[in-house]
Full PDB file with SEQRES, HELIX, SHEET, SSBOND, CRYST1, ORIGX, SCALE, CONECT and MASTER records, all heavy atoms in Angstrom:
SEQRES   1 A   44  VAL ALA ALA ILE SER TRP GLY GLY GLY SER LEU TYR TYR          
SEQRES   2 A   44  ALA ASP PHE VAL LYS GLY ARG PHE ALA ILE SER ARG ASP          
SEQRES   3 A   44  ASN ALA LYS ASN THR VAL TYR LEU GLN MET ASN SER LEU          
SEQRES   4 A   44  LYS PRO GLU ASP THR                                          
HELIX    1 AA1 ASP A   15  VAL A   17  5                                   3    
HELIX    2 AA2 ASN A   27  LYS A   29  5                                   3    
HELIX    3 AA3 PRO A   41  ASP A   43  5                                   3    
SHEET    1 AA1 2 ALA A   2  ILE A   4  0                                        
SHEET    2 AA1 2 LEU A  11  TYR A  13 -1                                        
SHEET    1 AA2 2 PHE A  21  ASP A  26  0                                        
SHEET    2 AA2 2 THR A  31  MET A  36 -1                                        
CRYST1    1.000    1.000    1.000  90.00  90.00  90.00 P 1           1          
ORIGX1      1.000000  0.000000  0.000000        0.00000                         
ORIGX2      0.000000  1.000000  0.000000        0.00000                         
ORIGX3      0.000000  0.000000  1.000000        0.00000                         
SCALE1      1.000000  0.000000  0.000000        0.00000                         
SCALE2      0.000000  1.000000  0.000000        0.00000                         
SCALE3      0.000000  0.000000  1.000000        0.00000                         
ATOM      1  N   VAL A   1       1.416  -2.400   7.888  1.00  0.00           N  
ATOM      2  CA  VAL A   1       0.913  -1.158   7.138  1.00  0.00           C  
ATOM      3  C   VAL A   1      -0.075  -1.634   6.044  1.00  0.00           C  
ATOM      4  O   VAL A   1      -1.111  -1.124   6.023  1.00  0.00           O  
ATOM      5  CB  VAL A   1       2.060  -0.294   6.477  1.00  0.00           C  
ATOM      6  CG1 VAL A   1       1.524   0.758   5.662  1.00  0.00           C  
ATOM      7  CG2 VAL A   1       3.036   0.154   7.552  1.00  0.00           C  
ATOM      8  N   ALA A   2       0.287  -2.526   5.226  1.00  0.00           N  
ATOM      9  CA  ALA A   2      -0.523  -2.925   4.094  1.00  0.00           C  
ATOM     10  C   ALA A   2      -0.050  -4.245   3.530  1.00  0.00           C  
ATOM     11  O   ALA A   2       1.120  -4.620   3.716  1.00  0.00           O  
ATOM     12  CB  ALA A   2      -0.587  -1.818   3.057  1.00  0.00           C  
ATOM     13  N   ALA A   3      -0.896  -4.912   2.810  1.00  0.00           N  
ATOM     14  CA  ALA A   3      -0.559  -6.192   2.116  1.00  0.00           C  
ATOM     15  C   ALA A   3      -1.329  -6.306   0.839  1.00  0.00           C  
ATOM     16  O   ALA A   3      -2.448  -5.770   0.653  1.00  0.00           O  
ATOM     17  CB  ALA A   3      -0.795  -7.385   3.028  1.00  0.00           C  
ATOM     18  N   ILE A   4      -0.766  -7.152  -0.063  1.00  0.00           N  
ATOM     19  CA  ILE A   4      -1.382  -7.305  -1.387  1.00  0.00           C  
ATOM     20  C   ILE A   4      -1.137  -8.740  -1.763  1.00  0.00           C  
ATOM     21  O   ILE A   4      -0.044  -9.315  -1.633  1.00  0.00           O  
ATOM     22  CB  ILE A   4      -0.858  -6.319  -2.420  1.00  0.00           C  
ATOM     23  CG1 ILE A   4      -1.620  -6.438  -3.736  1.00  0.00           C  
ATOM     24  CG2 ILE A   4       0.638  -6.539  -2.632  1.00  0.00           C  
ATOM     25  CD1 ILE A   4      -1.339  -5.281  -4.715  1.00  0.00           C  
ATOM     26  N   SER A   5      -2.165  -9.435  -2.301  1.00  0.00           N  
ATOM     27  CA  SER A   5      -2.010 -10.760  -2.761  1.00  0.00           C  
ATOM     28  C   SER A   5      -1.152 -10.857  -4.098  1.00  0.00           C  
ATOM     29  O   SER A   5      -0.891  -9.873  -4.755  1.00  0.00           O  
ATOM     30  CB  SER A   5      -3.383 -11.435  -3.017  1.00  0.00           C  
ATOM     31  OG  SER A   5      -4.108 -10.717  -4.082  1.00  0.00           O  
ATOM     32  N   TRP A   6      -0.695 -12.095  -4.353  1.00  0.00           N  
ATOM     33  CA  TRP A   6       0.203 -12.282  -5.489  1.00  0.00           C  
ATOM     34  C   TRP A   6      -0.328 -11.684  -6.840  1.00  0.00           C  
ATOM     35  O   TRP A   6       0.514 -11.194  -7.664  1.00  0.00           O  
ATOM     36  CB  TRP A   6       0.551 -13.795  -5.684  1.00  0.00           C  
ATOM     37  CG  TRP A   6      -0.610 -14.589  -6.159  1.00  0.00           C  
ATOM     38  CD1 TRP A   6      -1.524 -15.253  -5.311  1.00  0.00           C  
ATOM     39  CD2 TRP A   6      -0.976 -14.902  -7.445  1.00  0.00           C  
ATOM     40  NE1 TRP A   6      -2.389 -15.961  -6.130  1.00  0.00           N  
ATOM     41  CE2 TRP A   6      -2.121 -15.750  -7.441  1.00  0.00           C  
ATOM     42  CE3 TRP A   6      -0.447 -14.550  -8.759  1.00  0.00           C  
ATOM     43  CZ2 TRP A   6      -2.712 -16.258  -8.606  1.00  0.00           C  
ATOM     44  CZ3 TRP A   6      -1.075 -14.980  -9.882  1.00  0.00           C  
ATOM     45  CH2 TRP A   6      -2.179 -15.888  -9.834  1.00  0.00           C  
ATOM     46  N   GLY A   7      -1.617 -11.779  -7.047  1.00  0.00           N  
ATOM     47  CA  GLY A   7      -2.180 -11.278  -8.336  1.00  0.00           C  
ATOM     48  C   GLY A   7      -2.693  -9.860  -8.222  1.00  0.00           C  
ATOM     49  O   GLY A   7      -3.163  -9.323  -9.250  1.00  0.00           O  
ATOM     50  N   GLY A   8      -2.661  -9.301  -6.954  1.00  0.00           N  
ATOM     51  CA  GLY A   8      -3.127  -7.916  -6.794  1.00  0.00           C  
ATOM     52  C   GLY A   8      -4.563  -7.816  -6.530  1.00  0.00           C  
ATOM     53  O   GLY A   8      -5.094  -6.702  -6.412  1.00  0.00           O  
ATOM     54  N   GLY A   9      -5.322  -8.932  -6.409  1.00  0.00           N  
ATOM     55  CA  GLY A   9      -6.752  -8.821  -6.284  1.00  0.00           C  
ATOM     56  C   GLY A   9      -7.234  -8.619  -4.827  1.00  0.00           C  
ATOM     57  O   GLY A   9      -8.441  -8.255  -4.657  1.00  0.00           O  
ATOM     58  N   SER A  10      -6.379  -8.815  -3.823  1.00  0.00           N  
ATOM     59  CA  SER A  10      -6.777  -8.624  -2.461  1.00  0.00           C  
ATOM     60  C   SER A  10      -5.831  -7.638  -1.844  1.00  0.00           C  
ATOM     61  O   SER A  10      -4.600  -7.787  -1.867  1.00  0.00           O  
ATOM     62  CB  SER A  10      -6.749  -9.967  -1.671  1.00  0.00           C  
ATOM     63  OG  SER A  10      -7.717 -10.850  -2.232  1.00  0.00           O  
ATOM     64  N   LEU A  11      -6.404  -6.620  -1.176  1.00  0.00           N  
ATOM     65  CA  LEU A  11      -5.674  -5.536  -0.481  1.00  0.00           C  
ATOM     66  C   LEU A  11      -6.103  -5.456   0.932  1.00  0.00           C  
ATOM     67  O   LEU A  11      -7.236  -5.557   1.301  1.00  0.00           O  
ATOM     68  CB  LEU A  11      -5.935  -4.213  -1.227  1.00  0.00           C  
ATOM     69  CG  LEU A  11      -5.768  -4.124  -2.781  1.00  0.00           C  
ATOM     70  CD1 LEU A  11      -6.139  -2.755  -3.294  1.00  0.00           C  
ATOM     71  CD2 LEU A  11      -4.338  -4.495  -3.123  1.00  0.00           C  
ATOM     72  N   TYR A  12      -5.112  -5.174   1.751  1.00  0.00           N  
ATOM     73  CA  TYR A  12      -5.367  -5.045   3.213  1.00  0.00           C  
ATOM     74  C   TYR A  12      -4.615  -3.783   3.719  1.00  0.00           C  
ATOM     75  O   TYR A  12      -3.428  -3.624   3.343  1.00  0.00           O  
ATOM     76  CB  TYR A  12      -4.941  -6.337   3.951  1.00  0.00           C  
ATOM     77  CG  TYR A  12      -5.576  -7.555   3.419  1.00  0.00           C  
ATOM     78  CD1 TYR A  12      -4.901  -8.345   2.417  1.00  0.00           C  
ATOM     79  CD2 TYR A  12      -6.813  -8.089   3.870  1.00  0.00           C  
ATOM     80  CE1 TYR A  12      -5.529  -9.401   1.825  1.00  0.00           C  
ATOM     81  CE2 TYR A  12      -7.348  -9.195   3.423  1.00  0.00           C  
ATOM     82  CZ  TYR A  12      -6.744  -9.898   2.347  1.00  0.00           C  
ATOM     83  OH  TYR A  12      -7.261 -11.059   1.790  1.00  0.00           O  
ATOM     84  N   TYR A  13      -5.242  -3.129   4.700  1.00  0.00           N  
ATOM     85  CA  TYR A  13      -4.613  -1.870   5.209  1.00  0.00           C  
ATOM     86  C   TYR A  13      -4.795  -1.832   6.738  1.00  0.00           C  
ATOM     87  O   TYR A  13      -5.750  -2.211   7.320  1.00  0.00           O  
ATOM     88  CB  TYR A  13      -5.174  -0.664   4.605  1.00  0.00           C  
ATOM     89  CG  TYR A  13      -4.938  -0.510   3.113  1.00  0.00           C  
ATOM     90  CD1 TYR A  13      -5.903  -0.882   2.171  1.00  0.00           C  
ATOM     91  CD2 TYR A  13      -3.739   0.021   2.648  1.00  0.00           C  
ATOM     92  CE1 TYR A  13      -5.722  -0.720   0.830  1.00  0.00           C  
ATOM     93  CE2 TYR A  13      -3.559   0.134   1.307  1.00  0.00           C  
ATOM     94  CZ  TYR A  13      -4.478  -0.261   0.376  1.00  0.00           C  
ATOM     95  OH  TYR A  13      -4.269  -0.055  -0.962  1.00  0.00           O  
ATOM     96  N   ALA A  14      -3.781  -1.353   7.430  1.00  0.00           N  
ATOM     97  CA  ALA A  14      -3.907  -0.948   8.779  1.00  0.00           C  
ATOM     98  C   ALA A  14      -4.935   0.202   8.899  1.00  0.00           C  
ATOM     99  O   ALA A  14      -4.933   1.061   7.956  1.00  0.00           O  
ATOM    100  CB  ALA A  14      -2.554  -0.553   9.410  1.00  0.00           C  
ATOM    101  N   ASP A  15      -5.615   0.266  10.057  1.00  0.00           N  
ATOM    102  CA  ASP A  15      -6.656   1.331  10.191  1.00  0.00           C  
ATOM    103  C   ASP A  15      -6.009   2.714  10.072  1.00  0.00           C  
ATOM    104  O   ASP A  15      -6.628   3.650   9.535  1.00  0.00           O  
ATOM    105  CB  ASP A  15      -7.345   1.156  11.469  1.00  0.00           C  
ATOM    106  CG  ASP A  15      -8.276  -0.054  11.487  1.00  0.00           C  
ATOM    107  OD1 ASP A  15      -8.705  -0.473  10.424  1.00  0.00           O  
ATOM    108  OD2 ASP A  15      -8.704  -0.493  12.606  1.00  0.00           O  
ATOM    109  N   PHE A  16      -4.824   2.872  10.590  1.00  0.00           N  
ATOM    110  CA  PHE A  16      -4.185   4.223  10.702  1.00  0.00           C  
ATOM    111  C   PHE A  16      -3.808   4.800   9.270  1.00  0.00           C  
ATOM    112  O   PHE A  16      -3.388   5.930   9.162  1.00  0.00           O  
ATOM    113  CB  PHE A  16      -3.047   4.262  11.655  1.00  0.00           C  
ATOM    114  CG  PHE A  16      -1.989   3.284  11.365  1.00  0.00           C  
ATOM    115  CD1 PHE A  16      -0.956   3.551  10.443  1.00  0.00           C  
ATOM    116  CD2 PHE A  16      -1.930   2.059  12.078  1.00  0.00           C  
ATOM    117  CE1 PHE A  16       0.066   2.668  10.239  1.00  0.00           C  
ATOM    118  CE2 PHE A  16      -0.899   1.199  11.886  1.00  0.00           C  
ATOM    119  CZ  PHE A  16       0.079   1.447  10.935  1.00  0.00           C  
ATOM    120  N   VAL A  17      -3.790   3.972   8.263  1.00  0.00           N  
ATOM    121  CA  VAL A  17      -3.444   4.444   6.908  1.00  0.00           C  
ATOM    122  C   VAL A  17      -4.483   4.381   5.841  1.00  0.00           C  
ATOM    123  O   VAL A  17      -4.388   4.871   4.765  1.00  0.00           O  
ATOM    124  CB  VAL A  17      -2.178   3.723   6.377  1.00  0.00           C  
ATOM    125  CG1 VAL A  17      -1.024   3.811   7.357  1.00  0.00           C  
ATOM    126  CG2 VAL A  17      -2.524   2.223   6.118  1.00  0.00           C  
ATOM    127  N   LYS A  18      -5.680   3.821   6.221  1.00  0.00           N  
ATOM    128  CA  LYS A  18      -6.788   3.743   5.307  1.00  0.00           C  
ATOM    129  C   LYS A  18      -7.201   5.142   4.800  1.00  0.00           C  
ATOM    130  O   LYS A  18      -7.350   6.053   5.587  1.00  0.00           O  
ATOM    131  CB  LYS A  18      -8.001   3.037   5.919  1.00  0.00           C  
ATOM    132  CG  LYS A  18      -7.797   1.536   6.111  1.00  0.00           C  
ATOM    133  CD  LYS A  18      -9.028   0.891   6.726  1.00  0.00           C  
ATOM    134  CE  LYS A  18      -8.877  -0.621   6.812  1.00  0.00           C  
ATOM    135  NZ  LYS A  18     -10.037  -1.300   7.417  1.00  0.00           N  
ATOM    136  N   GLY A  19      -7.284   5.205   3.502  1.00  0.00           N  
ATOM    137  CA  GLY A  19      -7.686   6.466   2.882  1.00  0.00           C  
ATOM    138  C   GLY A  19      -6.543   7.327   2.600  1.00  0.00           C  
ATOM    139  O   GLY A  19      -6.714   8.370   1.844  1.00  0.00           O  
ATOM    140  N   ARG A  20      -5.365   7.005   3.029  1.00  0.00           N  
ATOM    141  CA  ARG A  20      -4.151   7.750   2.743  1.00  0.00           C  
ATOM    142  C   ARG A  20      -3.100   7.021   1.983  1.00  0.00           C  
ATOM    143  O   ARG A  20      -2.433   7.614   1.089  1.00  0.00           O  
ATOM    144  CB  ARG A  20      -3.478   8.283   4.076  1.00  0.00           C  
ATOM    145  CG  ARG A  20      -4.387   9.147   4.931  1.00  0.00           C  
ATOM    146  CD  ARG A  20      -3.573   9.828   6.016  1.00  0.00           C  
ATOM    147  NE  ARG A  20      -3.044   8.793   6.939  1.00  0.00           N  
ATOM    148  CZ  ARG A  20      -1.710   8.704   7.207  1.00  0.00           C  
ATOM    149  NH1 ARG A  20      -0.850   9.567   6.770  1.00  0.00           N  
ATOM    150  NH2 ARG A  20      -1.303   7.811   8.096  1.00  0.00           N  
ATOM    151  N   PHE A  21      -2.938   5.738   2.213  1.00  0.00           N  
ATOM    152  CA  PHE A  21      -1.961   4.929   1.552  1.00  0.00           C  
ATOM    153  C   PHE A  21      -2.610   3.960   0.618  1.00  0.00           C  
ATOM    154  O   PHE A  21      -3.728   3.524   0.835  1.00  0.00           O  
ATOM    155  CB  PHE A  21      -1.140   4.128   2.596  1.00  0.00           C  
ATOM    156  CG  PHE A  21      -0.252   4.922   3.463  1.00  0.00           C  
ATOM    157  CD1 PHE A  21      -0.295   6.325   3.490  1.00  0.00           C  
ATOM    158  CD2 PHE A  21       0.628   4.245   4.339  1.00  0.00           C  
ATOM    159  CE1 PHE A  21       0.552   7.035   4.307  1.00  0.00           C  
ATOM    160  CE2 PHE A  21       1.521   5.001   5.133  1.00  0.00           C  
ATOM    161  CZ  PHE A  21       1.462   6.380   5.148  1.00  0.00           C  
ATOM    162  N   ALA A  22      -1.886   3.540  -0.407  1.00  0.00           N  
ATOM    163  CA  ALA A  22      -2.397   2.598  -1.376  1.00  0.00           C  
ATOM    164  C   ALA A  22      -1.268   1.638  -1.828  1.00  0.00           C  
ATOM    165  O   ALA A  22      -0.201   2.080  -2.174  1.00  0.00           O  
ATOM    166  CB  ALA A  22      -2.974   3.268  -2.611  1.00  0.00           C  
ATOM    167  N   ILE A  23      -1.561   0.380  -1.598  1.00  0.00           N  
ATOM    168  CA  ILE A  23      -0.487  -0.681  -2.112  1.00  0.00           C  
ATOM    169  C   ILE A  23      -0.934  -1.133  -3.417  1.00  0.00           C  
ATOM    170  O   ILE A  23      -2.103  -1.292  -3.775  1.00  0.00           O  
ATOM    171  CB  ILE A  23      -0.420  -1.823  -1.078  1.00  0.00           C  
ATOM    172  CG1 ILE A  23       0.693  -2.747  -1.407  1.00  0.00           C  
ATOM    173  CG2 ILE A  23      -1.747  -2.558  -0.955  1.00  0.00           C  
ATOM    174  CD1 ILE A  23       0.999  -3.789  -0.313  1.00  0.00           C  
ATOM    175  N   SER A  24       0.084  -1.397  -4.271  1.00  0.00           N  
ATOM    176  CA  SER A  24      -0.184  -1.937  -5.610  1.00  0.00           C  
ATOM    177  C   SER A  24       1.052  -2.731  -6.042  1.00  0.00           C  
ATOM    178  O   SER A  24       2.045  -2.758  -5.398  1.00  0.00           O  
ATOM    179  CB  SER A  24      -0.471  -0.803  -6.613  1.00  0.00           C  
ATOM    180  OG  SER A  24       0.612   0.053  -6.708  1.00  0.00           O  
ATOM    181  N   ARG A  25       0.910  -3.435  -7.223  1.00  0.00           N  
ATOM    182  CA  ARG A  25       1.998  -4.144  -7.716  1.00  0.00           C  
ATOM    183  C   ARG A  25       1.969  -4.283  -9.236  1.00  0.00           C  
ATOM    184  O   ARG A  25       0.909  -4.196  -9.819  1.00  0.00           O  
ATOM    185  CB  ARG A  25       2.136  -5.592  -7.035  1.00  0.00           C  
ATOM    186  CG  ARG A  25       1.015  -6.546  -7.493  1.00  0.00           C  
ATOM    187  CD  ARG A  25       0.974  -7.790  -6.640  1.00  0.00           C  
ATOM    188  NE  ARG A  25       2.247  -8.460  -6.652  1.00  0.00           N  
ATOM    189  CZ  ARG A  25       2.674  -9.335  -5.714  1.00  0.00           C  
ATOM    190  NH1 ARG A  25       1.818  -9.664  -4.696  1.00  0.00           N  
ATOM    191  NH2 ARG A  25       3.808  -9.893  -5.833  1.00  0.00           N  
ATOM    192  N   ASP A  26       3.137  -4.382  -9.800  1.00  0.00           N  
ATOM    193  CA  ASP A  26       3.275  -4.649 -11.201  1.00  0.00           C  
ATOM    194  C   ASP A  26       4.189  -5.805 -11.356  1.00  0.00           C  
ATOM    195  O   ASP A  26       5.380  -5.733 -11.254  1.00  0.00           O  
ATOM    196  CB  ASP A  26       3.883  -3.436 -11.878  1.00  0.00           C  
ATOM    197  CG  ASP A  26       4.018  -3.524 -13.423  1.00  0.00           C  
ATOM    198  OD1 ASP A  26       3.831  -4.582 -13.946  1.00  0.00           O  
ATOM    199  OD2 ASP A  26       4.125  -2.445 -14.086  1.00  0.00           O  
ATOM    200  N   ASN A  27       3.601  -7.008 -11.536  1.00  0.00           N  
ATOM    201  CA  ASN A  27       4.325  -8.250 -11.646  1.00  0.00           C  
ATOM    202  C   ASN A  27       5.235  -8.297 -12.825  1.00  0.00           C  
ATOM    203  O   ASN A  27       6.279  -9.002 -12.801  1.00  0.00           O  
ATOM    204  CB  ASN A  27       3.403  -9.407 -11.577  1.00  0.00           C  
ATOM    205  CG  ASN A  27       2.757  -9.587 -10.239  1.00  0.00           C  
ATOM    206  OD1 ASN A  27       3.241  -9.139  -9.233  1.00  0.00           O  
ATOM    207  ND2 ASN A  27       1.684 -10.327 -10.219  1.00  0.00           N  
ATOM    208  N   ALA A  28       4.879  -7.614 -13.902  1.00  0.00           N  
ATOM    209  CA  ALA A  28       5.730  -7.565 -15.074  1.00  0.00           C  
ATOM    210  C   ALA A  28       7.076  -6.917 -14.760  1.00  0.00           C  
ATOM    211  O   ALA A  28       8.072  -7.224 -15.419  1.00  0.00           O  
ATOM    212  CB  ALA A  28       5.104  -6.872 -16.238  1.00  0.00           C  
ATOM    213  N   LYS A  29       7.019  -5.960 -13.779  1.00  0.00           N  
ATOM    214  CA  LYS A  29       8.301  -5.314 -13.366  1.00  0.00           C  
ATOM    215  C   LYS A  29       8.801  -5.863 -12.129  1.00  0.00           C  
ATOM    216  O   LYS A  29       9.804  -5.287 -11.602  1.00  0.00           O  
ATOM    217  CB  LYS A  29       7.913  -3.775 -13.213  1.00  0.00           C  
ATOM    218  CG  LYS A  29       7.581  -3.115 -14.543  1.00  0.00           C  
ATOM    219  CD  LYS A  29       7.334  -1.590 -14.282  1.00  0.00           C  
ATOM    220  CE  LYS A  29       6.999  -0.897 -15.616  1.00  0.00           C  
ATOM    221  NZ  LYS A  29       6.813   0.544 -15.409  1.00  0.00           N  
ATOM    222  N   ASN A  30       8.200  -6.863 -11.533  1.00  0.00           N  
ATOM    223  CA  ASN A  30       8.624  -7.543 -10.297  1.00  0.00           C  
ATOM    224  C   ASN A  30       8.766  -6.472  -9.158  1.00  0.00           C  
ATOM    225  O   ASN A  30       9.705  -6.491  -8.388  1.00  0.00           O  
ATOM    226  CB  ASN A  30       9.959  -8.220 -10.458  1.00  0.00           C  
ATOM    227  CG  ASN A  30       9.927  -9.291 -11.552  1.00  0.00           C  
ATOM    228  OD1 ASN A  30       9.033 -10.063 -11.567  1.00  0.00           O  
ATOM    229  ND2 ASN A  30      10.913  -9.308 -12.462  1.00  0.00           N  
ATOM    230  N   THR A  31       7.738  -5.568  -9.117  1.00  0.00           N  
ATOM    231  CA  THR A  31       7.802  -4.504  -8.150  1.00  0.00           C  
ATOM    232  C   THR A  31       6.501  -4.310  -7.401  1.00  0.00           C  
ATOM    233  O   THR A  31       5.437  -4.432  -8.098  1.00  0.00           O  
ATOM    234  CB  THR A  31       8.150  -3.190  -8.942  1.00  0.00           C  
ATOM    235  OG1 THR A  31       9.402  -3.377  -9.514  1.00  0.00           O  
ATOM    236  CG2 THR A  31       8.340  -2.055  -7.909  1.00  0.00           C  
ATOM    237  N   VAL A  32       6.562  -4.043  -6.135  1.00  0.00           N  
ATOM    238  CA  VAL A  32       5.465  -3.712  -5.262  1.00  0.00           C  
ATOM    239  C   VAL A  32       5.603  -2.206  -4.842  1.00  0.00           C  
ATOM    240  O   VAL A  32       6.737  -1.824  -4.601  1.00  0.00           O  
ATOM    241  CB  VAL A  32       5.356  -4.631  -4.073  1.00  0.00           C  
ATOM    242  CG1 VAL A  32       4.186  -4.201  -3.156  1.00  0.00           C  
ATOM    243  CG2 VAL A  32       5.201  -6.091  -4.519  1.00  0.00           C  
ATOM    244  N   TYR A  33       4.485  -1.511  -4.833  1.00  0.00           N  
ATOM    245  CA  TYR A  33       4.545  -0.100  -4.439  1.00  0.00           C  
ATOM    246  C   TYR A  33       3.772   0.225  -3.245  1.00  0.00           C  
ATOM    247  O   TYR A  33       2.763  -0.476  -2.901  1.00  0.00           O  
ATOM    248  CB  TYR A  33       4.039   0.723  -5.616  1.00  0.00           C  
ATOM    249  CG  TYR A  33       4.716   0.524  -6.932  1.00  0.00           C  
ATOM    250  CD1 TYR A  33       4.139  -0.360  -7.876  1.00  0.00           C  
ATOM    251  CD2 TYR A  33       5.891   1.164  -7.236  1.00  0.00           C  
ATOM    252  CE1 TYR A  33       4.818  -0.654  -9.066  1.00  0.00           C  
ATOM    253  CE2 TYR A  33       6.498   0.974  -8.475  1.00  0.00           C  
ATOM    254  CZ  TYR A  33       5.975   0.034  -9.403  1.00  0.00           C  
ATOM    255  OH  TYR A  33       6.592  -0.198 -10.572  1.00  0.00           O  
ATOM    256  N   LEU A  34       4.101   1.310  -2.602  1.00  0.00           N  
ATOM    257  CA  LEU A  34       3.308   1.869  -1.520  1.00  0.00           C  
ATOM    258  C   LEU A  34       3.189   3.393  -1.724  1.00  0.00           C  
ATOM    259  O   LEU A  34       4.166   4.129  -1.536  1.00  0.00           O  
ATOM    260  CB  LEU A  34       3.845   1.589  -0.126  1.00  0.00           C  
ATOM    261  CG  LEU A  34       3.000   2.104   1.034  1.00  0.00           C  
ATOM    262  CD1 LEU A  34       1.680   1.291   1.109  1.00  0.00           C  
ATOM    263  CD2 LEU A  34       3.748   2.005   2.375  1.00  0.00           C  
ATOM    264  N   GLN A  35       2.045   3.789  -2.265  1.00  0.00           N  
ATOM    265  CA  GLN A  35       1.786   5.267  -2.402  1.00  0.00           C  
ATOM    266  C   GLN A  35       1.286   5.788  -1.115  1.00  0.00           C  
ATOM    267  O   GLN A  35       0.326   5.380  -0.602  1.00  0.00           O  
ATOM    268  CB  GLN A  35       0.758   5.498  -3.546  1.00  0.00           C  
ATOM    269  CG  GLN A  35       0.433   6.911  -3.752  1.00  0.00           C  
ATOM    270  CD  GLN A  35       1.558   7.704  -4.358  1.00  0.00           C  
ATOM    271  OE1 GLN A  35       2.221   7.277  -5.247  1.00  0.00           O  
ATOM    272  NE2 GLN A  35       1.814   8.909  -3.732  1.00  0.00           N  
ATOM    273  N   MET A  36       2.052   6.829  -0.619  1.00  0.00           N  
ATOM    274  CA  MET A  36       1.707   7.404   0.658  1.00  0.00           C  
ATOM    275  C   MET A  36       1.241   8.913   0.431  1.00  0.00           C  
ATOM    276  O   MET A  36       2.121   9.651  -0.007  1.00  0.00           O  
ATOM    277  CB  MET A  36       2.834   7.321   1.592  1.00  0.00           C  
ATOM    278  CG  MET A  36       3.297   5.878   1.882  1.00  0.00           C  
ATOM    279  SD  MET A  36       4.608   5.741   3.071  1.00  0.00           S  
ATOM    280  CE  MET A  36       5.920   6.661   2.289  1.00  0.00           C  
ATOM    281  N   ASN A  37       0.048   9.253   0.775  1.00  0.00           N  
ATOM    282  CA  ASN A  37      -0.430  10.598   0.600  1.00  0.00           C  
ATOM    283  C   ASN A  37      -0.851  11.156   2.016  1.00  0.00           C  
ATOM    284  O   ASN A  37      -0.990  10.409   2.968  1.00  0.00           O  
ATOM    285  CB  ASN A  37      -1.631  10.637  -0.301  1.00  0.00           C  
ATOM    286  CG  ASN A  37      -1.329  10.138  -1.651  1.00  0.00           C  
ATOM    287  OD1 ASN A  37      -0.348  10.428  -2.213  1.00  0.00           O  
ATOM    288  ND2 ASN A  37      -2.288   9.380  -2.277  1.00  0.00           N  
ATOM    289  N   SER A  38      -0.974  12.462   2.057  1.00  0.00           N  
ATOM    290  CA  SER A  38      -1.360  13.082   3.314  1.00  0.00           C  
ATOM    291  C   SER A  38      -0.518  12.607   4.485  1.00  0.00           C  
ATOM    292  O   SER A  38      -1.018  12.362   5.601  1.00  0.00           O  
ATOM    293  CB  SER A  38      -2.813  12.834   3.607  1.00  0.00           C  
ATOM    294  OG  SER A  38      -3.673  13.347   2.577  1.00  0.00           O  
ATOM    295  N   LEU A  39       0.735  12.638   4.272  1.00  0.00           N  
ATOM    296  CA  LEU A  39       1.749  12.096   5.328  1.00  0.00           C  
ATOM    297  C   LEU A  39       1.694  13.001   6.521  1.00  0.00           C  
ATOM    298  O   LEU A  39       1.565  14.221   6.491  1.00  0.00           O  
ATOM    299  CB  LEU A  39       3.140  12.062   4.715  1.00  0.00           C  
ATOM    300  CG  LEU A  39       3.356  10.889   3.765  1.00  0.00           C  
ATOM    301  CD1 LEU A  39       4.614  11.041   2.993  1.00  0.00           C  
ATOM    302  CD2 LEU A  39       3.452   9.539   4.620  1.00  0.00           C  
ATOM    303  N   LYS A  40       1.850  12.306   7.668  1.00  0.00           N  
ATOM    304  CA  LYS A  40       1.853  12.956   9.024  1.00  0.00           C  
ATOM    305  C   LYS A  40       3.220  12.662   9.625  1.00  0.00           C  
ATOM    306  O   LYS A  40       3.810  11.652   9.351  1.00  0.00           O  
ATOM    307  CB  LYS A  40       0.726  12.354   9.813  1.00  0.00           C  
ATOM    308  CG  LYS A  40      -0.654  12.453   9.240  1.00  0.00           C  
ATOM    309  CD  LYS A  40      -1.634  11.719  10.123  1.00  0.00           C  
ATOM    310  CE  LYS A  40      -3.054  11.741   9.487  1.00  0.00           C  
ATOM    311  NZ  LYS A  40      -4.009  10.999  10.354  1.00  0.00           N  
ATOM    312  N   PRO A  41       3.598  13.493  10.585  1.00  0.00           N  
ATOM    313  CA  PRO A  41       4.838  13.269  11.315  1.00  0.00           C  
ATOM    314  C   PRO A  41       4.901  11.877  11.998  1.00  0.00           C  
ATOM    315  O   PRO A  41       6.015  11.252  11.967  1.00  0.00           O  
ATOM    316  CB  PRO A  41       4.845  14.444  12.315  1.00  0.00           C  
ATOM    317  CG  PRO A  41       4.128  15.496  11.731  1.00  0.00           C  
ATOM    318  CD  PRO A  41       3.042  14.824  10.946  1.00  0.00           C  
ATOM    319  N   GLU A  42       3.793  11.399  12.382  1.00  0.00           N  
ATOM    320  CA  GLU A  42       3.780  10.108  13.089  1.00  0.00           C  
ATOM    321  C   GLU A  42       3.969   8.999  12.084  1.00  0.00           C  
ATOM    322  O   GLU A  42       4.103   7.764  12.472  1.00  0.00           O  
ATOM    323  CB  GLU A  42       2.465   9.847  13.837  1.00  0.00           C  
ATOM    324  CG  GLU A  42       1.192  10.145  13.041  1.00  0.00           C  
ATOM    325  CD  GLU A  42       0.604  11.553  13.333  1.00  0.00           C  
ATOM    326  OE1 GLU A  42       1.437  12.561  13.371  1.00  0.00           O  
ATOM    327  OE2 GLU A  42      -0.529  11.597  13.496  1.00  0.00           O  
ATOM    328  N   ASP A  43       4.068   9.251  10.750  1.00  0.00           N  
ATOM    329  CA  ASP A  43       4.347   8.187   9.753  1.00  0.00           C  
ATOM    330  C   ASP A  43       5.811   8.058   9.689  1.00  0.00           C  
ATOM    331  O   ASP A  43       6.295   7.091   8.933  1.00  0.00           O  
ATOM    332  CB  ASP A  43       3.765   8.615   8.451  1.00  0.00           C  
ATOM    333  CG  ASP A  43       2.277   8.596   8.323  1.00  0.00           C  
ATOM    334  OD1 ASP A  43       1.610   7.700   8.921  1.00  0.00           O  
ATOM    335  OD2 ASP A  43       1.648   9.549   7.769  1.00  0.00           O  
ATOM    336  N   THR A  44       6.577   8.807  10.319  1.00  0.00           N  
ATOM    337  CA  THR A  44       8.048   8.739  10.248  1.00  0.00           C  
ATOM    338  C   THR A  44       8.477   7.387  10.820  1.00  0.00           C  
ATOM    339  O   THR A  44       8.165   7.013  11.912  1.00  0.00           O  
ATOM    340  CB  THR A  44       8.712   9.855  11.071  1.00  0.00           C  
ATOM    341  OG1 THR A  44       8.418  11.126  10.467  1.00  0.00           O  
ATOM    342  CG2 THR A  44      10.235   9.736  11.122  1.00  0.00           C  
TER     343      THR A  44                                                      
MASTER        0    0    0    3    4    0    0    6  342    1    0    4          
END                                                                             
């Protein structure tokens, strides 16, 4: 679906989610996120 480098400087997305999903991270919180917008049934 998506990937992010350790520092958050490099982002990669599968074609089917580009423009809809966003990967991010907060290393201070030891957490990685995936924001999913415009969800479709095929995202199930």
